[in-house]
Amino acid sequence: MTSTACFIIVSRNDIPIYEAEVGSAAKREDAAQLHQFILHAALDIVQDLAWTTSAMFLKSIDRFNDLVVSVYVTAGHILYIYLNDLHMS
């Protein structure tokens, strides 16, 4: 069974600051591009949710197949976005 996890820190201006991929599926180039696409698509959802809720941790905001996106929003609007397999969450 392959496991996937991708972590990205995004600045307040939607500029990626840090990105890391771990797991056996992270070694494939097409998987890395798919993860980036899923995470960037989740940014739109985060921007809508961040202003409508007082919660800082937004669990399972987006899903694609068996991948789940969760986000922690800081007070300075820095985003810690985590993409992982559904069975790991």
PDB file of N, CA and C in Angstrom:
ATOM      1  N   MET A   1       0.839  -1.166   0.000  1.00  0.00           N
ATOM      2  CA  MET A   1       0.000   0.000   0.000  1.00  0.00           C
ATOM      3  C   MET A   1       0.893   1.242   0.000  1.00  0.00           C
ATOM      4  N   THR A   2       0.616   2.178  -0.893  1.00  0.00           N
ATOM      5  CA  THR A   2       1.404   3.403  -0.937  1.00  0.00           C
ATOM      6  C   THR A   2       0.768   4.452  -0.042  1.00  0.00           C
ATOM      7  N   SER A   3       1.597   5.249   0.564  1.00  0.00           N
ATOM      8  CA  SER A   3       1.102   6.338   1.402  1.00  0.00           C
ATOM      9  C   SER A   3       1.620   7.648   0.848  1.00  0.00           C
ATOM     10  N   THR A   4       0.807   8.667   0.957  1.00  0.00           N
ATOM     11  CA  THR A   4       1.137   9.969   0.411  1.00  0.00           C
ATOM     12  C   THR A   4       0.880  11.031   1.460  1.00  0.00           C
ATOM     13  N   ALA A   5       1.799  11.961   1.559  1.00  0.00           N
ATOM     14  CA  ALA A   5       1.593  13.135   2.402  1.00  0.00           C
ATOM     15  C   ALA A   5       2.360  14.291   1.774  1.00  0.00           C
ATOM     16  N   CYS A   6       1.711  15.424   1.701  1.00  0.00           N
ATOM     17  CA  CYS A   6       2.329  16.622   1.146  1.00  0.00           C
ATOM     18  C   CYS A   6       1.986  17.778   2.083  1.00  0.00           C
ATOM     19  N   PHE A   7       2.983  18.568   2.402  1.00  0.00           N
ATOM     20  CA  PHE A   7       2.814  19.694   3.327  1.00  0.00           C
ATOM     21  C   PHE A   7       3.338  20.948   2.642  1.00  0.00           C
ATOM     22  N   ILE A   8       2.560  22.021   2.707  1.00  0.00           N
ATOM     23  CA  ILE A   8       2.976  23.272   2.086  1.00  0.00           C
ATOM     24  C   ILE A   8       2.603  24.433   3.000  1.00  0.00           C
ATOM     25  N   ILE A   9       3.479  25.411   3.092  1.00  0.00           N
ATOM     26  CA  ILE A   9       3.211  26.647   3.821  1.00  0.00           C
ATOM     27  C   ILE A   9       3.047  27.753   2.785  1.00  0.00           C
ATOM     28  N   VAL A  10       1.939  28.485   2.884  1.00  0.00           N
ATOM     29  CA  VAL A  10       1.619  29.515   1.909  1.00  0.00           C
ATOM     30  C   VAL A  10       1.493  30.855   2.633  1.00  0.00           C
ATOM     31  N   SER A  11       2.124  31.888   2.073  1.00  0.00           N
ATOM     32  CA  SER A  11       2.093  33.219   2.687  1.00  0.00           C
ATOM     33  C   SER A  11       0.729  33.869   2.490  1.00  0.00           C
ATOM     34  N   ARG A  12       0.564  34.993   3.105  1.00  0.00           N
ATOM     35  CA  ARG A  12      -0.691  35.721   3.034  1.00  0.00           C
ATOM     36  C   ARG A  12      -1.020  36.157   1.607  1.00  0.00           C
ATOM     37  N   ASN A  13      -0.019  36.280   0.744  1.00  0.00           N
ATOM     38  CA  ASN A  13      -0.233  36.674  -0.651  1.00  0.00           C
ATOM     39  C   ASN A  13      -0.262  35.471  -1.592  1.00  0.00           C
ATOM     40  N   ASP A  14      -0.531  34.305  -1.067  1.00  0.00           N
ATOM     41  CA  ASP A  14      -0.609  33.050  -1.828  1.00  0.00           C
ATOM     42  C   ASP A  14       0.706  32.670  -2.502  1.00  0.00           C
ATOM     43  N   ILE A  15       1.809  32.995  -1.868  1.00  0.00           N
ATOM     44  CA  ILE A  15       3.131  32.623  -2.365  1.00  0.00           C
ATOM     45  C   ILE A  15       3.625  31.441  -1.538  1.00  0.00           C
ATOM     46  N   PRO A  16       3.969  30.325  -2.191  1.00  0.00           N
ATOM     47  CA  PRO A  16       4.472  29.164  -1.436  1.00  0.00           C
ATOM     48  C   PRO A  16       5.805  29.488  -0.762  1.00  0.00           C
ATOM     49  N   ILE A  17       5.898  29.201   0.526  1.00  0.00           N
ATOM     50  CA  ILE A  17       7.120  29.441   1.288  1.00  0.00           C
ATOM     51  C   ILE A  17       7.909  28.154   1.436  1.00  0.00           C
ATOM     52  N   TYR A  18       7.203  27.053   1.668  1.00  0.00           N
ATOM     53  CA  TYR A  18       7.852  25.766   1.909  1.00  0.00           C
ATOM     54  C   TYR A  18       6.964  24.654   1.381  1.00  0.00           C
ATOM     55  N   GLU A  19       7.596  23.629   0.825  1.00  0.00           N
ATOM     56  CA  GLU A  19       6.835  22.479   0.336  1.00  0.00           C
ATOM     57  C   GLU A  19       7.650  21.207   0.552  1.00  0.00           C
ATOM     58  N   ALA A  20       6.974  20.171   1.040  1.00  0.00           N
ATOM     59  CA  ALA A  20       7.641  18.886   1.268  1.00  0.00           C
ATOM     60  C   ALA A  20       6.667  17.762   0.946  1.00  0.00           C
ATOM     61  N   GLU A  21       7.190  16.724   0.304  1.00  0.00           N
ATOM     62  CA  GLU A  21       6.402  15.535   0.011  1.00  0.00           C
ATOM     63  C   GLU A  21       7.106  14.333   0.605  1.00  0.00           C
ATOM     64  N   VAL A  22       6.326  13.486   1.247  1.00  0.00           N
ATOM     65  CA  VAL A  22       6.869  12.265   1.833  1.00  0.00           C
ATOM     66  C   VAL A  22       5.987  11.098   1.428  1.00  0.00           C
ATOM     67  N   GLY A  23       6.526   9.920   1.525  1.00  0.00           N
ATOM     68  CA  GLY A  23       5.780   8.725   1.182  1.00  0.00           C
ATOM     69  C   GLY A  23       6.295   8.113  -0.098  1.00  0.00           C
ATOM     70  N   SER A  24       5.829   6.939  -0.386  1.00  0.00           N
ATOM     71  CA  SER A  24       6.319   6.212  -1.546  1.00  0.00           C
ATOM     72  C   SER A  24       5.794   6.773  -2.858  1.00  0.00           C
ATOM     73  N   ALA A  25       4.629   7.402  -2.856  1.00  0.00           N
ATOM     74  CA  ALA A  25       4.089   7.960  -4.093  1.00  0.00           C
ATOM     75  C   ALA A  25       4.724   9.300  -4.433  1.00  0.00           C
ATOM     76  N   ALA A  26       5.459   9.898  -3.512  1.00  0.00           N
ATOM     77  CA  ALA A  26       6.041  11.217  -3.754  1.00  0.00           C
ATOM     78  C   ALA A  26       7.201  11.173  -4.736  1.00  0.00           C
ATOM     79  N   LYS A  27       7.706  10.018  -5.055  1.00  0.00           N
ATOM     80  CA  LYS A  27       8.865   9.906  -5.922  1.00  0.00           C
ATOM     81  C   LYS A  27       8.494   9.984  -7.402  1.00  0.00           C
ATOM     82  N   ARG A  28       7.240   9.868  -7.719  1.00  0.00           N
ATOM     83  CA  ARG A  28       6.790   9.963  -9.107  1.00  0.00           C
ATOM     84  C   ARG A  28       6.530  11.415  -9.465  1.00  0.00           C
ATOM     85  N   GLU A  29       6.974  11.834 -10.648  1.00  0.00           N
ATOM     86  CA  GLU A  29       6.818  13.224 -11.090  1.00  0.00           C
ATOM     87  C   GLU A  29       5.353  13.594 -11.282  1.00  0.00           C
ATOM     88  N   ASP A  30       4.560  12.701 -11.883  1.00  0.00           N
ATOM     89  CA  ASP A  30       3.162  13.021 -12.116  1.00  0.00           C
ATOM     90  C   ASP A  30       2.367  13.121 -10.819  1.00  0.00           C
ATOM     91  N   ALA A  31       2.761  12.349  -9.804  1.00  0.00           N
ATOM     92  CA  ALA A  31       2.088  12.441  -8.508  1.00  0.00           C
ATOM     93  C   ALA A  31       2.381  13.790  -7.853  1.00  0.00           C
ATOM     94  N   ALA A  32       3.609  14.273  -7.973  1.00  0.00           N
ATOM     95  CA  ALA A  32       3.961  15.575  -7.391  1.00  0.00           C
ATOM     96  C   ALA A  32       3.170  16.690  -8.057  1.00  0.00           C
ATOM     97  N   GLN A  33       3.002  16.619  -9.362  1.00  0.00           N
ATOM     98  CA  GLN A  33       2.224  17.643 -10.063  1.00  0.00           C
ATOM     99  C   GLN A  33       0.754  17.573  -9.686  1.00  0.00           C
ATOM    100  N   LEU A  34       0.229  16.377  -9.517  1.00  0.00           N
ATOM    101  CA  LEU A  34      -1.161  16.222  -9.098  1.00  0.00           C
ATOM    102  C   LEU A  34      -1.376  16.802  -7.708  1.00  0.00           C
ATOM    103  N   HIS A  35      -0.442  16.557  -6.800  1.00  0.00           N
ATOM    104  CA  HIS A  35      -0.543  17.108  -5.444  1.00  0.00           C
ATOM    105  C   HIS A  35      -0.534  18.623  -5.469  1.00  0.00           C
ATOM    106  N   GLN A  36       0.339  19.220  -6.260  1.00  0.00           N
ATOM    107  CA  GLN A  36       0.380  20.679  -6.367  1.00  0.00           C
ATOM    108  C   GLN A  36      -0.934  21.220  -6.905  1.00  0.00           C
ATOM    109  N   PHE A  37      -1.506  20.558  -7.888  1.00  0.00           N
ATOM    110  CA  PHE A  37      -2.780  20.986  -8.459  1.00  0.00           C
ATOM    111  C   PHE A  37      -3.895  20.929  -7.416  1.00  0.00           C
ATOM    112  N   ILE A  38      -3.958  19.846  -6.660  1.00  0.00           N
ATOM    113  CA  ILE A  38      -4.985  19.690  -5.627  1.00  0.00           C
ATOM    114  C   ILE A  38      -4.832  20.765  -4.553  1.00  0.00           C
ATOM    115  N   LEU A  39      -3.596  21.019  -4.124  1.00  0.00           N
ATOM    116  CA  LEU A  39      -3.356  22.021  -3.083  1.00  0.00           C
ATOM    117  C   LEU A  39      -3.691  23.423  -3.563  1.00  0.00           C
ATOM    118  N   HIS A  40      -3.352  23.753  -4.800  1.00  0.00           N
ATOM    119  CA  HIS A  40      -3.679  25.080  -5.314  1.00  0.00           C
ATOM    120  C   HIS A  40      -5.187  25.249  -5.507  1.00  0.00           C
ATOM    121  N   ALA A  41      -5.871  24.186  -5.880  1.00  0.00           N
ATOM    122  CA  ALA A  41      -7.330  24.252  -5.992  1.00  0.00           C
ATOM    123  C   ALA A  41      -7.971  24.458  -4.628  1.00  0.00           C
ATOM    124  N   ALA A  42      -7.371  23.902  -3.583  1.00  0.00           N
ATOM    125  CA  ALA A  42      -7.903  24.054  -2.231  1.00  0.00           C
ATOM    126  C   ALA A  42      -7.734  25.475  -1.702  1.00  0.00           C
ATOM    127  N   LEU A  43      -6.801  26.244  -2.263  1.00  0.00           N
ATOM    128  CA  LEU A  43      -6.614  27.628  -1.810  1.00  0.00           C
ATOM    129  C   LEU A  43      -7.882  28.458  -1.970  1.00  0.00           C
ATOM    130  N   ASP A  44      -8.631  28.239  -3.045  1.00  0.00           N
ATOM    131  CA  ASP A  44      -9.880  28.975  -3.253  1.00  0.00           C
ATOM    132  C   ASP A  44     -10.885  28.666  -2.155  1.00  0.00           C
ATOM    133  N   ILE A  45     -10.974  27.416  -1.770  1.00  0.00           N
ATOM    134  CA  ILE A  45     -11.894  27.015  -0.705  1.00  0.00           C
ATOM    135  C   ILE A  45     -11.468  27.626   0.622  1.00  0.00           C
ATOM    136  N   VAL A  46     -10.166  27.615   0.879  1.00  0.00           N
ATOM    137  CA  VAL A  46      -9.637  28.171   2.130  1.00  0.00           C
ATOM    138  C   VAL A  46      -9.933  29.667   2.214  1.00  0.00           C
ATOM    139  N   GLN A  47      -9.752  30.381   1.126  1.00  0.00           N
ATOM    140  CA  GLN A  47     -10.016  31.825   1.148  1.00  0.00           C
ATOM    141  C   GLN A  47     -11.472  32.121   1.470  1.00  0.00           C
ATOM    142  N   ASP A  48     -12.385  31.301   1.000  1.00  0.00           N
ATOM    143  CA  ASP A  48     -13.799  31.495   1.323  1.00  0.00           C
ATOM    144  C   ASP A  48     -14.099  31.134   2.772  1.00  0.00           C
ATOM    145  N   LEU A  49     -13.554  30.011   3.238  1.00  0.00           N
ATOM    146  CA  LEU A  49     -13.846  29.547   4.596  1.00  0.00           C
ATOM    147  C   LEU A  49     -13.151  30.375   5.679  1.00  0.00           C
ATOM    148  N   ALA A  50     -11.975  30.892   5.399  1.00  0.00           N
ATOM    149  CA  ALA A  50     -11.198  31.603   6.420  1.00  0.00           C
ATOM    150  C   ALA A  50     -11.930  32.842   6.935  1.00  0.00           C
ATOM    151  N   TRP A  51     -12.747  33.455   6.105  1.00  0.00           N
ATOM    152  CA  TRP A  51     -13.439  34.682   6.525  1.00  0.00           C
ATOM    153  C   TRP A  51     -14.833  34.413   7.066  1.00  0.00           C
ATOM    154  N   THR A  52     -15.303  33.169   6.964  1.00  0.00           N
ATOM    155  CA  THR A  52     -16.658  32.876   7.436  1.00  0.00           C
ATOM    156  C   THR A  52     -16.681  32.069   8.724  1.00  0.00           C
ATOM    157  N   THR A  53     -15.528  31.630   9.206  1.00  0.00           N
ATOM    158  CA  THR A  53     -15.484  30.833  10.430  1.00  0.00           C
ATOM    159  C   THR A  53     -14.400  31.368  11.360  1.00  0.00           C
ATOM    160  N   SER A  54     -14.582  31.138  12.638  1.00  0.00           N
ATOM    161  CA  SER A  54     -13.562  31.558  13.600  1.00  0.00           C
ATOM    162  C   SER A  54     -12.569  30.442  13.895  1.00  0.00           C
ATOM    163  N   ALA A  55     -12.819  29.264  13.339  1.00  0.00           N
ATOM    164  CA  ALA A  55     -11.923  28.122  13.566  1.00  0.00           C
ATOM    165  C   ALA A  55     -10.610  28.327  12.819  1.00  0.00           C
ATOM    166  N   MET A  56      -9.523  27.942  13.460  1.00  0.00           N
ATOM    167  CA  MET A  56      -8.220  28.065  12.819  1.00  0.00           C
ATOM    168  C   MET A  56      -7.835  26.773  12.096  1.00  0.00           C
ATOM    169  N   PHE A  57      -8.349  25.632  12.554  1.00  0.00           N
ATOM    170  CA  PHE A  57      -8.069  24.364  11.894  1.00  0.00           C
ATOM    171  C   PHE A  57      -9.280  23.961  11.078  1.00  0.00           C
ATOM    172  N   LEU A  58      -9.078  23.831   9.793  1.00  0.00           N
ATOM    173  CA  LEU A  58     -10.149  23.437   8.882  1.00  0.00           C
ATOM    174  C   LEU A  58      -9.850  22.026   8.393  1.00  0.00           C
ATOM    175  N   LYS A  59     -10.534  21.054   8.960  1.00  0.00           N
ATOM    176  CA  LYS A  59     -10.259  19.656   8.657  1.00  0.00           C
ATOM    177  C   LYS A  59     -11.081  19.206   7.453  1.00  0.00           C
ATOM    178  N   SER A  60     -10.442  18.494   6.566  1.00  0.00           N
ATOM    179  CA  SER A  60     -11.088  17.907   5.386  1.00  0.00           C
ATOM    180  C   SER A  60     -11.875  18.928   4.578  1.00  0.00           C
ATOM    181  N   ILE A  61     -11.199  19.972   4.133  1.00  0.00           N
ATOM    182  CA  ILE A  61     -11.898  20.993   3.358  1.00  0.00           C
ATOM    183  C   ILE A  61     -12.102  20.589   1.909  1.00  0.00           C
ATOM    184  N   ASP A  62     -11.264  19.668   1.417  1.00  0.00           N
ATOM    185  CA  ASP A  62     -11.380  19.232   0.032  1.00  0.00           C
ATOM    186  C   ASP A  62     -10.927  17.780  -0.076  1.00  0.00           C
ATOM    187  N   ARG A  63     -11.523  17.073  -1.027  1.00  0.00           N
ATOM    188  CA  ARG A  63     -11.149  15.675  -1.271  1.00  0.00           C
ATOM    189  C   ARG A  63     -11.007  15.464  -2.762  1.00  0.00           C
ATOM    190  N   PHE A  64     -10.028  14.640  -3.120  1.00  0.00           N
ATOM    191  CA  PHE A  64      -9.863  14.216  -4.504  1.00  0.00           C
ATOM    192  C   PHE A  64      -9.486  12.745  -4.465  1.00  0.00           C
ATOM    193  N   ASN A  65     -10.372  11.900  -4.986  1.00  0.00           N
ATOM    194  CA  ASN A  65     -10.215  10.446  -4.902  1.00  0.00           C
ATOM    195  C   ASN A  65      -9.988  10.054  -3.443  1.00  0.00           C
ATOM    196  N   ASP A  66      -8.828   9.523  -3.103  1.00  0.00           N
ATOM    197  CA  ASP A  66      -8.568   9.130  -1.714  1.00  0.00           C
ATOM    198  C   ASP A  66      -7.646  10.108  -0.994  1.00  0.00           C
ATOM    199  N   LEU A  67      -7.484  11.317  -1.546  1.00  0.00           N
ATOM    200  CA  LEU A  67      -6.642  12.346  -0.926  1.00  0.00           C
ATOM    201  C   LEU A  67      -7.503  13.388  -0.236  1.00  0.00           C
ATOM    202  N   VAL A  68      -7.073  13.813   0.956  1.00  0.00           N
ATOM    203  CA  VAL A  68      -7.816  14.779   1.761  1.00  0.00           C
ATOM    204  C   VAL A  68      -6.920  15.978   2.062  1.00  0.00           C
ATOM    205  N   VAL A  69      -7.499  17.178   1.989  1.00  0.00           N
ATOM    206  CA  VAL A  69      -6.768  18.409   2.281  1.00  0.00           C
ATOM    207  C   VAL A  69      -7.281  18.991   3.594  1.00  0.00           C
ATOM    208  N   SER A  70      -6.357  19.273   4.516  1.00  0.00           N
ATOM    209  CA  SER A  70      -6.672  19.948   5.773  1.00  0.00           C
ATOM    210  C   SER A  70      -5.789  21.188   5.874  1.00  0.00           C
ATOM    211  N   VAL A  71      -6.292  22.210   6.568  1.00  0.00           N
ATOM    212  CA  VAL A  71      -5.578  23.493   6.621  1.00  0.00           C
ATOM    213  C   VAL A  71      -5.610  24.051   8.033  1.00  0.00           C
ATOM    214  N   TYR A  72      -4.484  24.621   8.437  1.00  0.00           N
ATOM    215  CA  TYR A  72      -4.408  25.410   9.660  1.00  0.00           C
ATOM    216  C   TYR A  72      -4.118  26.847   9.239  1.00  0.00           C
ATOM    217  N   VAL A  73      -4.980  27.784   9.630  1.00  0.00           N
ATOM    218  CA  VAL A  73      -4.831  29.196   9.274  1.00  0.00           C
ATOM    219  C   VAL A  73      -4.359  29.950  10.506  1.00  0.00           C
ATOM    220  N   THR A  74      -3.216  30.627  10.419  1.00  0.00           N
ATOM    221  CA  THR A  74      -2.702  31.391  11.550  1.00  0.00           C
ATOM    222  C   THR A  74      -3.388  32.752  11.620  1.00  0.00           C
ATOM    223  N   ALA A  75      -3.150  33.465  12.708  1.00  0.00           N
ATOM    224  CA  ALA A  75      -3.727  34.802  12.875  1.00  0.00           C
ATOM    225  C   ALA A  75      -3.182  35.776  11.823  1.00  0.00           C
ATOM    226  N   GLY A  76      -1.985  35.542  11.351  1.00  0.00           N
ATOM    227  CA  GLY A  76      -1.389  36.374  10.298  1.00  0.00           C
ATOM    228  C   GLY A  76      -1.763  35.923   8.904  1.00  0.00           C
ATOM    229  N   HIS A  77      -2.703  35.005   8.794  1.00  0.00           N
ATOM    230  CA  HIS A  77      -3.226  34.446   7.555  1.00  0.00           C
ATOM    231  C   HIS A  77      -2.161  33.677   6.769  1.00  0.00           C
ATOM    232  N   ILE A  78      -1.243  33.034   7.485  1.00  0.00           N
ATOM    233  CA  ILE A  78      -0.321  32.078   6.885  1.00  0.00           C
ATOM    234  C   ILE A  78      -1.024  30.727   6.897  1.00  0.00           C
ATOM    235  N   LEU A  79      -0.955  29.990   5.807  1.00  0.00           N
ATOM    236  CA  LEU A  79      -1.662  28.731   5.683  1.00  0.00           C
ATOM    237  C   LEU A  79      -0.697  27.559   5.762  1.00  0.00           C
ATOM    238  N   TYR A  80      -1.011  26.595   6.610  1.00  0.00           N
ATOM    239  CA  TYR A  80      -0.301  25.335   6.686  1.00  0.00           C
ATOM    240  C   TYR A  80      -1.242  24.296   6.083  1.00  0.00           C
ATOM    241  N   ILE A  81      -0.954  23.869   4.875  1.00  0.00           N
ATOM    242  CA  ILE A  81      -1.852  22.976   4.154  1.00  0.00           C
ATOM    243  C   ILE A  81      -1.246  21.576   4.128  1.00  0.00           C
ATOM    244  N   TYR A  82      -2.062  20.596   4.459  1.00  0.00           N
ATOM    245  CA  TYR A  82      -1.611  19.211   4.553  1.00  0.00           C
ATOM    246  C   TYR A  82      -2.495  18.331   3.681  1.00  0.00           C
ATOM    247  N   LEU A  83      -1.881  17.618   2.754  1.00  0.00           N
ATOM    248  CA  LEU A  83      -2.573  16.688   1.885  1.00  0.00           C
ATOM    249  C   LEU A  83      -2.130  15.281   2.251  1.00  0.00           C
ATOM    250  N   ASN A  84      -3.075  14.401   2.512  1.00  0.00           N
ATOM    251  CA  ASN A  84      -2.725  13.036   2.862  1.00  0.00           C
ATOM    252  C   ASN A  84      -3.792  12.062   2.381  1.00  0.00           C
ATOM    253  N   ASP A  85      -3.432  10.778   2.439  1.00  0.00           N
ATOM    254  CA  ASP A  85      -4.373   9.723   2.078  1.00  0.00           C
ATOM    255  C   ASP A  85      -5.524   9.696   3.072  1.00  0.00           C
ATOM    256  N   LEU A  86      -6.667   9.299   2.598  1.00  0.00           N
ATOM    257  CA  LEU A  86      -7.858   9.230   3.439  1.00  0.00           C
ATOM    258  C   LEU A  86      -7.660   8.290   4.618  1.00  0.00           C
ATOM    259  N   HIS A  87      -6.967   7.188   4.429  1.00  0.00           N
ATOM    260  CA  HIS A  87      -6.788   6.232   5.518  1.00  0.00           C
ATOM    261  C   HIS A  87      -5.777   6.723   6.563  1.00  0.00           C
ATOM    262  N   MET A  88      -5.018   7.779   6.270  1.00  0.00           N
ATOM    263  CA  MET A  88      -4.049   8.329   7.233  1.00  0.00           C
ATOM    264  C   MET A  88      -4.642   9.420   8.108  1.00  0.00           C
ATOM    265  N   SER A  89      -5.796   9.947   7.748  1.00  0.00           N
ATOM    266  CA  SER A  89      -6.344  11.091   8.488  1.00  0.00           C
ATOM    267  C   SER A  89      -7.067  10.751   9.742  1.00  0.00           C
TER     268      SER A  89
END
